[in-house]
Structures are given as C-alpha cells and as structure tokens.
Amino acid sequence: PDVIFLAEAFTRPKVMQRLAKEGYSQS
C-alpha cells in the first residue's frame, strides 16, 4: 500500500482525469 504512482501524461484533460480515476496517486 505504500507504493505511489505518478502519471506522466501531458495530454487531453479527460484522459489525464481518467488515469487519475483508475488509481494514479499523482498526476
């Protein structure tokens, strides 16, 4: 549970938001 995920996605807003919804800790 300590593992943190940062999503490196400079892309369309809804795509970035969906990745966050799927579980990414940071964006």
mmCIF file of all heavy atoms, coordinates in Angstrom:
data_MODEL
# 
_entry.id   MODEL 
# 
loop_
_atom_site.group_PDB 
_atom_site.id 
_atom_site.type_symbol 
_atom_site.label_atom_id 
_atom_site.label_alt_id 
_atom_site.label_comp_id 
_atom_site.label_asym_id 
_atom_site.label_entity_id 
_atom_site.label_seq_id 
_atom_site.pdbx_PDB_ins_code 
_atom_site.Cartn_x 
_atom_site.Cartn_y 
_atom_site.Cartn_z 
_atom_site.occupancy 
_atom_site.B_iso_or_equiv 
_atom_site.pdbx_formal_charge 
_atom_site.auth_seq_id 
_atom_site.auth_comp_id 
_atom_site.auth_asym_id 
_atom_site.auth_atom_id 
_atom_site.pdbx_PDB_model_num 
ATOM 1   N N   . PRO A 1 1  ? 0.797   -1.242 0.000   1.00 0.00 ? 1  PRO A N   1 
ATOM 2   C CA  . PRO A 1 1  ? 0.000   0.000  0.000   1.00 0.00 ? 1  PRO A CA  1 
ATOM 3   C C   . PRO A 1 1  ? 0.823   1.282  0.000   1.00 0.00 ? 1  PRO A C   1 
ATOM 4   O O   . PRO A 1 1  ? 0.292   2.351  -0.299  1.00 0.00 ? 1  PRO A O   1 
ATOM 5   C CB  . PRO A 1 1  ? -0.833  -0.126 1.284   1.00 0.00 ? 1  PRO A CB  1 
ATOM 6   C CG  . PRO A 1 1  ? -0.084  -1.085 2.149   1.00 0.00 ? 1  PRO A CG  1 
ATOM 7   C CD  . PRO A 1 1  ? 0.572   -2.045 1.214   1.00 0.00 ? 1  PRO A CD  1 
ATOM 8   N N   . ASP A 1 2  ? 2.113   1.192  0.320   1.00 0.00 ? 2  ASP A N   1 
ATOM 9   C CA  . ASP A 1 2  ? 2.947   2.392  0.336   1.00 0.00 ? 2  ASP A CA  1 
ATOM 10  C C   . ASP A 1 2  ? 3.359   2.855  -1.061  1.00 0.00 ? 2  ASP A C   1 
ATOM 11  O O   . ASP A 1 2  ? 3.877   3.963  -1.212  1.00 0.00 ? 2  ASP A O   1 
ATOM 12  C CB  . ASP A 1 2  ? 4.216   2.149  1.159   1.00 0.00 ? 2  ASP A CB  1 
ATOM 13  C CG  . ASP A 1 2  ? 3.973   2.264  2.653   1.00 0.00 ? 2  ASP A CG  1 
ATOM 14  O OD1 . ASP A 1 2  ? 2.859   2.676  3.039   1.00 0.00 ? 2  ASP A OD1 1 
ATOM 15  O OD2 . ASP A 1 2  ? 4.885   1.945  3.435   1.00 0.00 ? 2  ASP A OD2 1 
ATOM 16  N N   . VAL A 1 3  ? 3.157   2.024  -2.074  1.00 0.00 ? 3  VAL A N   1 
ATOM 17  C CA  . VAL A 1 3  ? 3.624   2.374  -3.410  1.00 0.00 ? 3  VAL A CA  1 
ATOM 18  C C   . VAL A 1 3  ? 2.805   3.538  -3.976  1.00 0.00 ? 3  VAL A C   1 
ATOM 19  O O   . VAL A 1 3  ? 1.575   3.560  -3.877  1.00 0.00 ? 3  VAL A O   1 
ATOM 20  C CB  . VAL A 1 3  ? 3.562   1.163  -4.358  1.00 0.00 ? 3  VAL A CB  1 
ATOM 21  C CG1 . VAL A 1 3  ? 3.928   1.572  -5.785  1.00 0.00 ? 3  VAL A CG1 1 
ATOM 22  C CG2 . VAL A 1 3  ? 4.515   0.069  -3.876  1.00 0.00 ? 3  VAL A CG2 1 
ATOM 23  N N   . ILE A 1 4  ? 3.523   4.501  -4.558  1.00 0.00 ? 4  ILE A N   1 
ATOM 24  C CA  . ILE A 1 4  ? 2.918   5.710  -5.130  1.00 0.00 ? 4  ILE A CA  1 
ATOM 25  C C   . ILE A 1 4  ? 3.201   5.733  -6.632  1.00 0.00 ? 4  ILE A C   1 
ATOM 26  O O   . ILE A 1 4  ? 4.313   5.417  -7.069  1.00 0.00 ? 4  ILE A O   1 
ATOM 27  C CB  . ILE A 1 4  ? 3.491   6.968  -4.443  1.00 0.00 ? 4  ILE A CB  1 
ATOM 28  C CG1 . ILE A 1 4  ? 2.985   7.047  -3.000  1.00 0.00 ? 4  ILE A CG1 1 
ATOM 29  C CG2 . ILE A 1 4  ? 3.135   8.236  -5.210  1.00 0.00 ? 4  ILE A CG2 1 
ATOM 30  C CD1 . ILE A 1 4  ? 3.685   8.091  -2.165  1.00 0.00 ? 4  ILE A CD1 1 
ATOM 31  N N   . PHE A 1 5  ? 2.182   6.114  -7.407  1.00 0.00 ? 5  PHE A N   1 
ATOM 32  C CA  . PHE A 1 5  ? 2.291   6.153  -8.862  1.00 0.00 ? 5  PHE A CA  1 
ATOM 33  C C   . PHE A 1 5  ? 2.067   7.582  -9.352  1.00 0.00 ? 5  PHE A C   1 
ATOM 34  O O   . PHE A 1 5  ? 1.032   8.184  -9.063  1.00 0.00 ? 5  PHE A O   1 
ATOM 35  C CB  . PHE A 1 5  ? 1.237   5.249  -9.503  1.00 0.00 ? 5  PHE A CB  1 
ATOM 36  C CG  . PHE A 1 5  ? 1.332   3.790  -9.121  1.00 0.00 ? 5  PHE A CG  1 
ATOM 37  C CD1 . PHE A 1 5  ? 0.761   3.332  -7.944  1.00 0.00 ? 5  PHE A CD1 1 
ATOM 38  C CD2 . PHE A 1 5  ? 1.986   2.890  -9.941  1.00 0.00 ? 5  PHE A CD2 1 
ATOM 39  C CE1 . PHE A 1 5  ? 0.835   1.993  -7.594  1.00 0.00 ? 5  PHE A CE1 1 
ATOM 40  C CE2 . PHE A 1 5  ? 2.063   1.552  -9.603  1.00 0.00 ? 5  PHE A CE2 1 
ATOM 41  C CZ  . PHE A 1 5  ? 1.492   1.097  -8.424  1.00 0.00 ? 5  PHE A CZ  1 
ATOM 42  N N   . LEU A 1 6  ? 3.026   8.110  -10.112 1.00 0.00 ? 6  LEU A N   1 
ATOM 43  C CA  . LEU A 1 6  ? 2.885   9.422  -10.747 1.00 0.00 ? 6  LEU A CA  1 
ATOM 44  C C   . LEU A 1 6  ? 2.656   9.222  -12.241 1.00 0.00 ? 6  LEU A C   1 
ATOM 45  O O   . LEU A 1 6  ? 3.472   8.611  -12.931 1.00 0.00 ? 6  LEU A O   1 
ATOM 46  C CB  . LEU A 1 6  ? 4.142   10.265 -10.515 1.00 0.00 ? 6  LEU A CB  1 
ATOM 47  C CG  . LEU A 1 6  ? 4.261   11.560 -11.336 1.00 0.00 ? 6  LEU A CG  1 
ATOM 48  C CD1 . LEU A 1 6  ? 3.112   12.523 -11.031 1.00 0.00 ? 6  LEU A CD1 1 
ATOM 49  C CD2 . LEU A 1 6  ? 5.609   12.237 -11.082 1.00 0.00 ? 6  LEU A CD2 1 
ATOM 50  N N   . ALA A 1 7  ? 1.543   9.747  -12.748 1.00 0.00 ? 7  ALA A N   1 
ATOM 51  C CA  . ALA A 1 7  ? 1.205   9.612  -14.167 1.00 0.00 ? 7  ALA A CA  1 
ATOM 52  C C   . ALA A 1 7  ? 1.852   10.736 -14.969 1.00 0.00 ? 7  ALA A C   1 
ATOM 53  O O   . ALA A 1 7  ? 1.506   11.903 -14.791 1.00 0.00 ? 7  ALA A O   1 
ATOM 54  C CB  . ALA A 1 7  ? -0.309  9.640  -14.351 1.00 0.00 ? 7  ALA A CB  1 
ATOM 55  N N   . GLU A 1 8  ? 2.790   10.364 -15.856 1.00 0.00 ? 8  GLU A N   1 
ATOM 56  C CA  . GLU A 1 8  ? 3.422   11.345 -16.739 1.00 0.00 ? 8  GLU A CA  1 
ATOM 57  C C   . GLU A 1 8  ? 2.612   11.384 -18.028 1.00 0.00 ? 8  GLU A C   1 
ATOM 58  O O   . GLU A 1 8  ? 2.872   10.631 -18.958 1.00 0.00 ? 8  GLU A O   1 
ATOM 59  C CB  . GLU A 1 8  ? 4.884   10.945 -17.012 1.00 0.00 ? 8  GLU A CB  1 
ATOM 60  C CG  . GLU A 1 8  ? 5.670   11.970 -17.826 1.00 0.00 ? 8  GLU A CG  1 
ATOM 61  C CD  . GLU A 1 8  ? 5.610   11.725 -19.340 1.00 0.00 ? 8  GLU A CD  1 
ATOM 62  O OE1 . GLU A 1 8  ? 5.285   10.595 -19.759 1.00 0.00 ? 8  GLU A OE1 1 
ATOM 63  O OE2 . GLU A 1 8  ? 5.874   12.679 -20.094 1.00 0.00 ? 8  GLU A OE2 1 
ATOM 64  N N   . ALA A 1 9  ? 1.599   12.232 -18.029 1.00 0.00 ? 9  ALA A N   1 
ATOM 65  C CA  . ALA A 1 9  ? 0.713   12.303 -19.197 1.00 0.00 ? 9  ALA A CA  1 
ATOM 66  C C   . ALA A 1 9  ? 0.340   13.754 -19.445 1.00 0.00 ? 9  ALA A C   1 
ATOM 67  O O   . ALA A 1 9  ? -0.548  14.291 -18.801 1.00 0.00 ? 9  ALA A O   1 
ATOM 68  C CB  . ALA A 1 9  ? -0.541  11.456 -18.964 1.00 0.00 ? 9  ALA A CB  1 
ATOM 69  N N   . PHE A 1 10 ? 1.059   14.400 -20.359 1.00 0.00 ? 10 PHE A N   1 
ATOM 70  C CA  . PHE A 1 10 ? 0.689   15.748 -20.783 1.00 0.00 ? 10 PHE A CA  1 
ATOM 71  C C   . PHE A 1 10 ? -0.195  15.598 -22.016 1.00 0.00 ? 10 PHE A C   1 
ATOM 72  O O   . PHE A 1 10 ? 0.282   15.612 -23.155 1.00 0.00 ? 10 PHE A O   1 
ATOM 73  C CB  . PHE A 1 10 ? 1.941   16.569 -21.111 1.00 0.00 ? 10 PHE A CB  1 
ATOM 74  C CG  . PHE A 1 10 ? 2.851   16.792 -19.942 1.00 0.00 ? 10 PHE A CG  1 
ATOM 75  C CD1 . PHE A 1 10 ? 4.044   16.099 -19.821 1.00 0.00 ? 10 PHE A CD1 1 
ATOM 76  C CD2 . PHE A 1 10 ? 2.521   17.695 -18.942 1.00 0.00 ? 10 PHE A CD2 1 
ATOM 77  C CE1 . PHE A 1 10 ? 4.901   16.311 -18.750 1.00 0.00 ? 10 PHE A CE1 1 
ATOM 78  C CE2 . PHE A 1 10 ? 3.363   17.914 -17.860 1.00 0.00 ? 10 PHE A CE2 1 
ATOM 79  C CZ  . PHE A 1 10 ? 4.556   17.220 -17.764 1.00 0.00 ? 10 PHE A CZ  1 
ATOM 80  N N   . THR A 1 11 ? -1.453  15.427 -21.778 1.00 0.00 ? 11 THR A N   1 
ATOM 81  C CA  . THR A 1 11 ? -2.355  15.098 -22.881 1.00 0.00 ? 11 THR A CA  1 
ATOM 82  C C   . THR A 1 11 ? -3.712  15.747 -22.624 1.00 0.00 ? 11 THR A C   1 
ATOM 83  O O   . THR A 1 11 ? -3.820  16.674 -21.817 1.00 0.00 ? 11 THR A O   1 
ATOM 84  C CB  . THR A 1 11 ? -2.460  13.562 -23.038 1.00 0.00 ? 11 THR A CB  1 
ATOM 85  O OG1 . THR A 1 11 ? -3.289  13.261 -24.160 1.00 0.00 ? 11 THR A OG1 1 
ATOM 86  C CG2 . THR A 1 11 ? -3.018  12.904 -21.799 1.00 0.00 ? 11 THR A CG2 1 
ATOM 87  N N   . ARG A 1 12 ? -4.745  15.260 -23.247 1.00 0.00 ? 12 ARG A N   1 
ATOM 88  C CA  . ARG A 1 12 ? -6.063  15.867 -23.143 1.00 0.00 ? 12 ARG A CA  1 
ATOM 89  C C   . ARG A 1 12 ? -6.591  15.782 -21.708 1.00 0.00 ? 12 ARG A C   1 
ATOM 90  O O   . ARG A 1 12 ? -6.350  14.794 -21.000 1.00 0.00 ? 12 ARG A O   1 
ATOM 91  C CB  . ARG A 1 12 ? -7.034  15.188 -24.113 1.00 0.00 ? 12 ARG A CB  1 
ATOM 92  C CG  . ARG A 1 12 ? -6.542  15.207 -25.550 1.00 0.00 ? 12 ARG A CG  1 
ATOM 93  C CD  . ARG A 1 12 ? -7.590  14.711 -26.534 1.00 0.00 ? 12 ARG A CD  1 
ATOM 94  N NE  . ARG A 1 12 ? -8.143  13.410 -26.212 1.00 0.00 ? 12 ARG A NE  1 
ATOM 95  C CZ  . ARG A 1 12 ? -7.567  12.251 -26.489 1.00 0.00 ? 12 ARG A CZ  1 
ATOM 96  N NH1 . ARG A 1 12 ? -6.370  12.214 -27.057 1.00 0.00 ? 12 ARG A NH1 1 
ATOM 97  N NH2 . ARG A 1 12 ? -8.172  11.109 -26.192 1.00 0.00 ? 12 ARG A NH2 1 
ATOM 98  N N   . PRO A 1 13 ? -7.351  16.790 -21.280 1.00 0.00 ? 13 PRO A N   1 
ATOM 99  C CA  . PRO A 1 13 ? -7.796  16.833 -19.885 1.00 0.00 ? 13 PRO A CA  1 
ATOM 100 C C   . PRO A 1 13 ? -8.531  15.585 -19.422 1.00 0.00 ? 13 PRO A C   1 
ATOM 101 O O   . PRO A 1 13 ? -8.244  15.046 -18.348 1.00 0.00 ? 13 PRO A O   1 
ATOM 102 C CB  . PRO A 1 13 ? -8.712  18.059 -19.841 1.00 0.00 ? 13 PRO A CB  1 
ATOM 103 C CG  . PRO A 1 13 ? -8.235  18.932 -20.946 1.00 0.00 ? 13 PRO A CG  1 
ATOM 104 C CD  . PRO A 1 13 ? -7.768  17.999 -22.029 1.00 0.00 ? 13 PRO A CD  1 
ATOM 105 N N   . LYS A 1 14 ? -9.470  15.108 -20.216 1.00 0.00 ? 14 LYS A N   1 
ATOM 106 C CA  . LYS A 1 14 ? -10.270 13.960 -19.773 1.00 0.00 ? 14 LYS A CA  1 
ATOM 107 C C   . LYS A 1 14 ? -9.435  12.680 -19.717 1.00 0.00 ? 14 LYS A C   1 
ATOM 108 O O   . LYS A 1 14 ? -9.727  11.777 -18.930 1.00 0.00 ? 14 LYS A O   1 
ATOM 109 C CB  . LYS A 1 14 ? -11.494 13.788 -20.673 1.00 0.00 ? 14 LYS A CB  1 
ATOM 110 C CG  . LYS A 1 14 ? -12.554 14.865 -20.454 1.00 0.00 ? 14 LYS A CG  1 
ATOM 111 C CD  . LYS A 1 14 ? -13.775 14.641 -21.326 1.00 0.00 ? 14 LYS A CD  1 
ATOM 112 C CE  . LYS A 1 14 ? -14.885 15.653 -20.992 1.00 0.00 ? 14 LYS A CE  1 
ATOM 113 N NZ  . LYS A 1 14 ? -14.461 17.040 -21.161 1.00 0.00 ? 14 LYS A NZ  1 
ATOM 114 N N   . VAL A 1 15 ? -8.413  12.600 -20.538 1.00 0.00 ? 15 VAL A N   1 
ATOM 115 C CA  . VAL A 1 15 ? -7.506  11.446 -20.484 1.00 0.00 ? 15 VAL A CA  1 
ATOM 116 C C   . VAL A 1 15 ? -6.710  11.469 -19.178 1.00 0.00 ? 15 VAL A C   1 
ATOM 117 O O   . VAL A 1 15 ? -6.577  10.451 -18.489 1.00 0.00 ? 15 VAL A O   1 
ATOM 118 C CB  . VAL A 1 15 ? -6.566  11.436 -21.705 1.00 0.00 ? 15 VAL A CB  1 
ATOM 119 C CG1 . VAL A 1 15 ? -5.516  10.343 -21.563 1.00 0.00 ? 15 VAL A CG1 1 
ATOM 120 C CG2 . VAL A 1 15 ? -7.367  11.243 -22.989 1.00 0.00 ? 15 VAL A CG2 1 
ATOM 121 N N   . MET A 1 16 ? -6.185  12.634 -18.839 1.00 0.00 ? 16 MET A N   1 
ATOM 122 C CA  . MET A 1 16 ? -5.445  12.773 -17.586 1.00 0.00 ? 16 MET A CA  1 
ATOM 123 C C   . MET A 1 16 ? -6.344  12.471 -16.390 1.00 0.00 ? 16 MET A C   1 
ATOM 124 O O   . MET A 1 16 ? -5.929  11.814 -15.423 1.00 0.00 ? 16 MET A O   1 
ATOM 125 C CB  . MET A 1 16 ? -4.857  14.187 -17.492 1.00 0.00 ? 16 MET A CB  1 
ATOM 126 C CG  . MET A 1 16 ? -3.826  14.464 -18.569 1.00 0.00 ? 16 MET A CG  1 
ATOM 127 S SD  . MET A 1 16 ? -3.416  16.218 -18.719 1.00 0.00 ? 16 MET A SD  1 
ATOM 128 C CE  . MET A 1 16 ? -2.554  16.508 -17.188 1.00 0.00 ? 16 MET A CE  1 
ATOM 129 N N   . GLN A 1 17 ? -7.576  12.934 -16.465 1.00 0.00 ? 17 GLN A N   1 
ATOM 130 C CA  . GLN A 1 17 ? -8.511  12.694 -15.371 1.00 0.00 ? 17 GLN A CA  1 
ATOM 131 C C   . GLN A 1 17 ? -8.853  11.212 -15.252 1.00 0.00 ? 17 GLN A C   1 
ATOM 132 O O   . GLN A 1 17 ? -8.955  10.675 -14.148 1.00 0.00 ? 17 GLN A O   1 
ATOM 133 C CB  . GLN A 1 17 ? -9.772  13.530 -15.588 1.00 0.00 ? 17 GLN A CB  1 
ATOM 134 C CG  . GLN A 1 17 ? -9.539  15.026 -15.451 1.00 0.00 ? 17 GLN A CG  1 
ATOM 135 C CD  . GLN A 1 17 ? -10.632 15.858 -16.100 1.00 0.00 ? 17 GLN A CD  1 
ATOM 136 O OE1 . GLN A 1 17 ? -11.761 15.401 -16.273 1.00 0.00 ? 17 GLN A OE1 1 
ATOM 137 N NE2 . GLN A 1 17 ? -10.303 17.087 -16.476 1.00 0.00 ? 17 GLN A NE2 1 
ATOM 138 N N   . ARG A 1 18 ? -9.006  10.546 -16.381 1.00 0.00 ? 18 ARG A N   1 
ATOM 139 C CA  . ARG A 1 18 ? -9.346  9.122  -16.332 1.00 0.00 ? 18 ARG A CA  1 
ATOM 140 C C   . ARG A 1 18 ? -8.210  8.313  -15.698 1.00 0.00 ? 18 ARG A C   1 
ATOM 141 O O   . ARG A 1 18 ? -8.458  7.397  -14.914 1.00 0.00 ? 18 ARG A O   1 
ATOM 142 C CB  . ARG A 1 18 ? -9.628  8.612  -17.742 1.00 0.00 ? 18 ARG A CB  1 
ATOM 143 C CG  . ARG A 1 18 ? -10.005 7.128  -17.798 1.00 0.00 ? 18 ARG A CG  1 
ATOM 144 C CD  . ARG A 1 18 ? -11.393 6.884  -17.230 1.00 0.00 ? 18 ARG A CD  1 
ATOM 145 N NE  . ARG A 1 18 ? -11.687 5.465  -17.099 1.00 0.00 ? 18 ARG A NE  1 
ATOM 146 C CZ  . ARG A 1 18 ? -12.910 4.944  -17.115 1.00 0.00 ? 18 ARG A CZ  1 
ATOM 147 N NH1 . ARG A 1 18 ? -13.957 5.739  -17.265 1.00 0.00 ? 18 ARG A NH1 1 
ATOM 148 N NH2 . ARG A 1 18 ? -13.100 3.652  -16.964 1.00 0.00 ? 18 ARG A NH2 1 
ATOM 149 N N   . LEU A 1 19 ? -6.979  8.642  -16.021 1.00 0.00 ? 19 LEU A N   1 
ATOM 150 C CA  . LEU A 1 19 ? -5.846  7.945  -15.411 1.00 0.00 ? 19 LEU A CA  1 
ATOM 151 C C   . LEU A 1 19 ? -5.853  8.127  -13.900 1.00 0.00 ? 19 LEU A C   1 
ATOM 152 O O   . LEU A 1 19 ? -5.589  7.183  -13.147 1.00 0.00 ? 19 LEU A O   1 
ATOM 153 C CB  . LEU A 1 19 ? -4.535  8.459  -16.009 1.00 0.00 ? 19 LEU A CB  1 
ATOM 154 C CG  . LEU A 1 19 ? -4.262  8.049  -17.460 1.00 0.00 ? 19 LEU A CG  1 
ATOM 155 C CD1 . LEU A 1 19 ? -3.129  8.874  -18.049 1.00 0.00 ? 19 LEU A CD1 1 
ATOM 156 C CD2 . LEU A 1 19 ? -3.938  6.560  -17.551 1.00 0.00 ? 19 LEU A CD2 1 
ATOM 157 N N   . ALA A 1 20 ? -6.174  9.338  -13.452 1.00 0.00 ? 20 ALA A N   1 
ATOM 158 C CA  . ALA A 1 20 ? -6.263  9.576  -12.010 1.00 0.00 ? 20 ALA A CA  1 
ATOM 159 C C   . ALA A 1 20 ? -7.369  8.734  -11.392 1.00 0.00 ? 20 ALA A C   1 
ATOM 160 O O   . ALA A 1 20 ? -7.216  8.166  -10.304 1.00 0.00 ? 20 ALA A O   1 
ATOM 161 C CB  . ALA A 1 20 ? -6.494  11.058 -11.734 1.00 0.00 ? 20 ALA A CB  1 
ATOM 162 N N   . LYS A 1 21 ? -8.492  8.631  -12.091 1.00 0.00 ? 21 LYS A N   1 
ATOM 163 C CA  . LYS A 1 21 ? -9.601  7.815  -11.590 1.00 0.00 ? 21 LYS A CA  1 
ATOM 164 C C   . LYS A 1 21 ? -9.213  6.341  -11.499 1.00 0.00 ? 21 LYS A C   1 
ATOM 165 O O   . LYS A 1 21 ? -9.667  5.625  -10.601 1.00 0.00 ? 21 LYS A O   1 
ATOM 166 C CB  . LYS A 1 21 ? -10.824 7.972  -12.504 1.00 0.00 ? 21 LYS A CB  1 
ATOM 167 C CG  . LYS A 1 21 ? -11.467 9.347  -12.472 1.00 0.00 ? 21 LYS A CG  1 
ATOM 168 C CD  . LYS A 1 21 ? -12.567 9.448  -13.524 1.00 0.00 ? 21 LYS A CD  1 
ATOM 169 C CE  . LYS A 1 21 ? -13.182 10.844 -13.571 1.00 0.00 ? 21 LYS A CE  1 
ATOM 170 N NZ  . LYS A 1 21 ? -14.213 10.966 -14.623 1.00 0.00 ? 21 LYS A NZ  1 
ATOM 171 N N   . GLU A 1 22 ? -8.396  5.880  -12.418 1.00 0.00 ? 22 GLU A N   1 
ATOM 172 C CA  . GLU A 1 22 ? -8.017  4.469  -12.439 1.00 0.00 ? 22 GLU A CA  1 
ATOM 173 C C   . GLU A 1 22 ? -7.080  4.101  -11.287 1.00 0.00 ? 22 GLU A C   1 
ATOM 174 O O   . GLU A 1 22 ? -6.830  2.922  -11.056 1.00 0.00 ? 22 GLU A O   1 
ATOM 175 C CB  . GLU A 1 22 ? -7.356  4.109  -13.772 1.00 0.00 ? 22 GLU A CB  1 
ATOM 176 C CG  . GLU A 1 22 ? -8.258  4.258  -14.990 1.00 0.00 ? 22 GLU A CG  1 
ATOM 177 C CD  . GLU A 1 22 ? -9.373  3.216  -15.064 1.00 0.00 ? 22 GLU A CD  1 
ATOM 178 O OE1 . GLU A 1 22 ? -9.441  2.356  -14.175 1.00 0.00 ? 22 GLU A OE1 1 
ATOM 179 O OE2 . GLU A 1 22 ? -10.177 3.275  -16.015 1.00 0.00 ? 22 GLU A OE2 1 
ATOM 180 N N   . GLY A 1 23 ? -6.559  5.120  -10.581 1.00 0.00 ? 23 GLY A N   1 
ATOM 181 C CA  . GLY A 1 23 ? -5.777  4.798  -9.393  1.00 0.00 ? 23 GLY A CA  1 
ATOM 182 C C   . GLY A 1 23 ? -4.456  5.496  -9.239  1.00 0.00 ? 23 GLY A C   1 
ATOM 183 O O   . GLY A 1 23 ? -3.763  5.297  -8.222  1.00 0.00 ? 23 GLY A O   1 
ATOM 184 N N   . TYR A 1 24 ? -4.045  6.311  -10.213 1.00 0.00 ? 24 TYR A N   1 
ATOM 185 C CA  . TYR A 1 24 ? -2.768  7.013  -10.065 1.00 0.00 ? 24 TYR A CA  1 
ATOM 186 C C   . TYR A 1 24 ? -2.784  7.930  -8.848  1.00 0.00 ? 24 TYR A C   1 
ATOM 187 O O   . TYR A 1 24 ? -3.748  8.655  -8.616  1.00 0.00 ? 24 TYR A O   1 
ATOM 188 C CB  . TYR A 1 24 ? -2.432  7.795  -11.338 1.00 0.00 ? 24 TYR A CB  1 
ATOM 189 C CG  . TYR A 1 24 ? -1.733  6.943  -12.368 1.00 0.00 ? 24 TYR A CG  1 
ATOM 190 C CD1 . TYR A 1 24 ? -2.458  6.255  -13.331 1.00 0.00 ? 24 TYR A CD1 1 
ATOM 191 C CD2 . TYR A 1 24 ? -0.360  6.776  -12.335 1.00 0.00 ? 24 TYR A CD2 1 
ATOM 192 C CE1 . TYR A 1 24 ? -1.826  5.438  -14.255 1.00 0.00 ? 24 TYR A CE1 1 
ATOM 193 C CE2 . TYR A 1 24 ? 0.284   5.970  -13.247 1.00 0.00 ? 24 TYR A CE2 1 
ATOM 194 C CZ  . TYR A 1 24 ? -0.445  5.294  -14.211 1.00 0.00 ? 24 TYR A CZ  1 
ATOM 195 O OH  . TYR A 1 24 ? 0.193   4.482  -15.111 1.00 0.00 ? 24 TYR A OH  1 
ATOM 196 N N   . SER A 1 25 ? -1.704  7.909  -8.087  1.00 0.00 ? 25 SER A N   1 
ATOM 197 C CA  . SER A 1 25 ? -1.616  8.682  -6.845  1.00 0.00 ? 25 SER A CA  1 
ATOM 198 C C   . SER A 1 25 ? -1.409  10.164 -7.120  1.00 0.00 ? 25 SER A C   1 
ATOM 199 O O   . SER A 1 25 ? -1.885  11.017 -6.363  1.00 0.00 ? 25 SER A O   1 
ATOM 200 C CB  . SER A 1 25 ? -0.458  8.174  -5.982  1.00 0.00 ? 25 SER A CB  1 
ATOM 201 O OG  . SER A 1 25 ? -0.375  6.771  -5.979  1.00 0.00 ? 25 SER A OG  1 
ATOM 202 N N   . GLN A 1 26 ? -0.647  10.483 -8.166  1.00 0.00 ? 26 GLN A N   1 
ATOM 203 C CA  . GLN A 1 26 ? -0.339  11.858 -8.533  1.00 0.00 ? 26 GLN A CA  1 
ATOM 204 C C   . GLN A 1 26 ? -0.379  11.994 -10.048 1.00 0.00 ? 26 GLN A C   1 
ATOM 205 O O   . GLN A 1 26 ? -0.276  11.002 -10.769 1.00 0.00 ? 26 GLN A O   1 
ATOM 206 C CB  . GLN A 1 26 ? 1.058   12.254 -8.027  1.00 0.00 ? 26 GLN A CB  1 
ATOM 207 C CG  . GLN A 1 26 ? 1.240   12.190 -6.523  1.00 0.00 ? 26 GLN A CG  1 
ATOM 208 C CD  . GLN A 1 26 ? 2.652   12.545 -6.104  1.00 0.00 ? 26 GLN A CD  1 
ATOM 209 O OE1 . GLN A 1 26 ? 3.485   12.963 -6.916  1.00 0.00 ? 26 GLN A OE1 1 
ATOM 210 N NE2 . GLN A 1 26 ? 2.941   12.389 -4.813  1.00 0.00 ? 26 GLN A NE2 1 
ATOM 211 N N   . SER A 1 27 ? -0.496  13.249 -10.513 1.00 0.00 ? 27 SER A N   1 
ATOM 212 C CA  . SER A 1 27 ? -0.619  13.487 -11.949 1.00 0.00 ? 27 SER A CA  1 
ATOM 213 C C   . SER A 1 27 ? 0.190   14.711 -12.361 1.00 0.00 ? 27 SER A C   1 
ATOM 214 O O   . SER A 1 27 ? 0.141   15.747 -11.692 1.00 0.00 ? 27 SER A O   1 
ATOM 215 C CB  . SER A 1 27 ? -2.084  13.721 -12.331 1.00 0.00 ? 27 SER A CB  1 
ATOM 216 O OG  . SER A 1 27 ? -2.905  12.652 -11.906 1.00 0.00 ? 27 SER A OG  1 
# 
